[in-house]
Amino acid sequence: MSWLREEIAMKWRTEGKRYASEINEYVRVGMESNWEQAQQEPGDDQRSGMAADIVDMIRAANQAGDTERLRQEIPPASWPITPDYEEKQQAIKPIVCLNDGTVLVRTYGGGIYLIQQDRRITELPDFYHIGCSSDGNYFALSNEQGIRIIRGNVTSLGEGEEIAAWSWQVIQQRIKAILNDCESLADSEHPASHIEEAIPFDNGSRLLLVTDCGIYLLSQDQVELLHPELTEMQQFDYEDTHIDMVHGAVSADGRWLAYGSQCSEHLLRDAASGKVYTFEPQSSYPHYALFAKDSSEVWYNACHFYNGATIQVPLADLGQLELEAGTEHEWPLMNDEMRVYAAAALTDGHILGDAYGYLRKIDSEGNEKWRYFVGSTLSGIVVSPDESRLAVGTYGGMLHLIDLQSGVKSEYSIGTANIIEIDRWILWRDEELLRW
């Protein structure tokens, strides 16, 4: 094994165990005492000086096809190496995770990859962005020509049945007809590059298109601007539709659309009637929305710097809300710490991913069930249909595949969760995809 430098690998393992053990004990005592018991903070992780050597060994082990041994000798940890490779990093967003570990993933640099169970990697160069419906049956395929919605299998996207299609020319013409002289997505030379989310619903006949140039609802014969609202733009003389911290979600039953941006309230639209509900954020800026797996509630996160607050809106309560029009309603607070960048809905709760690199599982009562440190700011989370696997992407340019049902944890992991990472990929700019 010419790639392995045993002395460095041993130091990496020893320091990794020491750091994880001390952090875990520090957090355990802190949580049990509600952070009132004074403790000495753990010493800093001393592995950052090994970053170049570790990355060199990762590359060499991949070239040698010896990645199973690599993972044993050099257990993965992001935070000691990412500061030295910031120029290579890009956000990673998993789109689909199958029960067998197959993952469809996109990078914010524009690359889309299919990573299959046998570790085969296929780049999908024909698409700039891919979105998926909540049931995993419909895909929105976007390129420089337009957007197609197909029904099919993630491993054979080019062969799926086309349900709907829009050319960018038609989309932009319809937006221009709404906004006239206001600068918008209609004026972009590369509109596909502005997409944050493209979520098919209603059996693939409609699409929630979330861009940093506005949020739109596409149907067969219509493009509707949802946010910012046209009346708001006219009232305040907006010159463009650019919005920050844009986000959107569709309920599993297709009835509800949740969305917002930095300057909005939390917004909820009945997709059938068009009625819009608004909710006051519990922190400064709306940042994320997620529906429960059974469509019974929606969680909204608002942020302030790297922290935030998440509220729960039970959808069955909206009728009572209308009866109480004009009165303030206080929604249950699910978490008052996290700035949520990504999340996944489970049968018995939600997994939230935050700016500090933590995953937390929180139940519908707001109780934290566990936490797990991934290593850098979360950029995407998706769970497999059977809820056995979690695919997690970070702004550090890494894709983590986690076994949610292991019942055990690694001695190198930080957190309270009895879950274990079973695979990791590094998807850095100008670098071969590396398995770790």
Foldseek 3Di string as FASTA:
>chain_A
DVLDDQVLLVVQVVLLLQVQVQQQVVVVVCVVVVNPDDDDHDDDRPLLVCQVSLVSSLVVCVVVVNVVVNCVSRPDAQASHLVVPVVFFWWKAWAAAAPLGWTWIATLVQWIWIQDNVRDIDTDVQARDWHAAPVRQWIWGHDQFWTWIFGDHPVCVVPGHTDAIDGLQRVLVQVCVLVPQAAALSPDNRSVSFFPHWYADPVRQWIFTWGQQFTWIDGRNHIGTDPPDPVVCVVVVHRGRGFALWEWDAANNRQKIWIDGFPAFTWIAGPVPRDIDGAHFPDRGWHYKDAANVRQWMKTWGDDVFWTWIFIDGPVCVVVCVVVPPDHDDTHTLDGGFPFQEKEHDPFFIWTFGQAQKTWTTGPNNDTPKMWGRHGGWHYWYAHPVRQWIWTIHSSQKIWIKGQPQQQEDSSIHMDGRIYTDWMWGGTPPDDITID
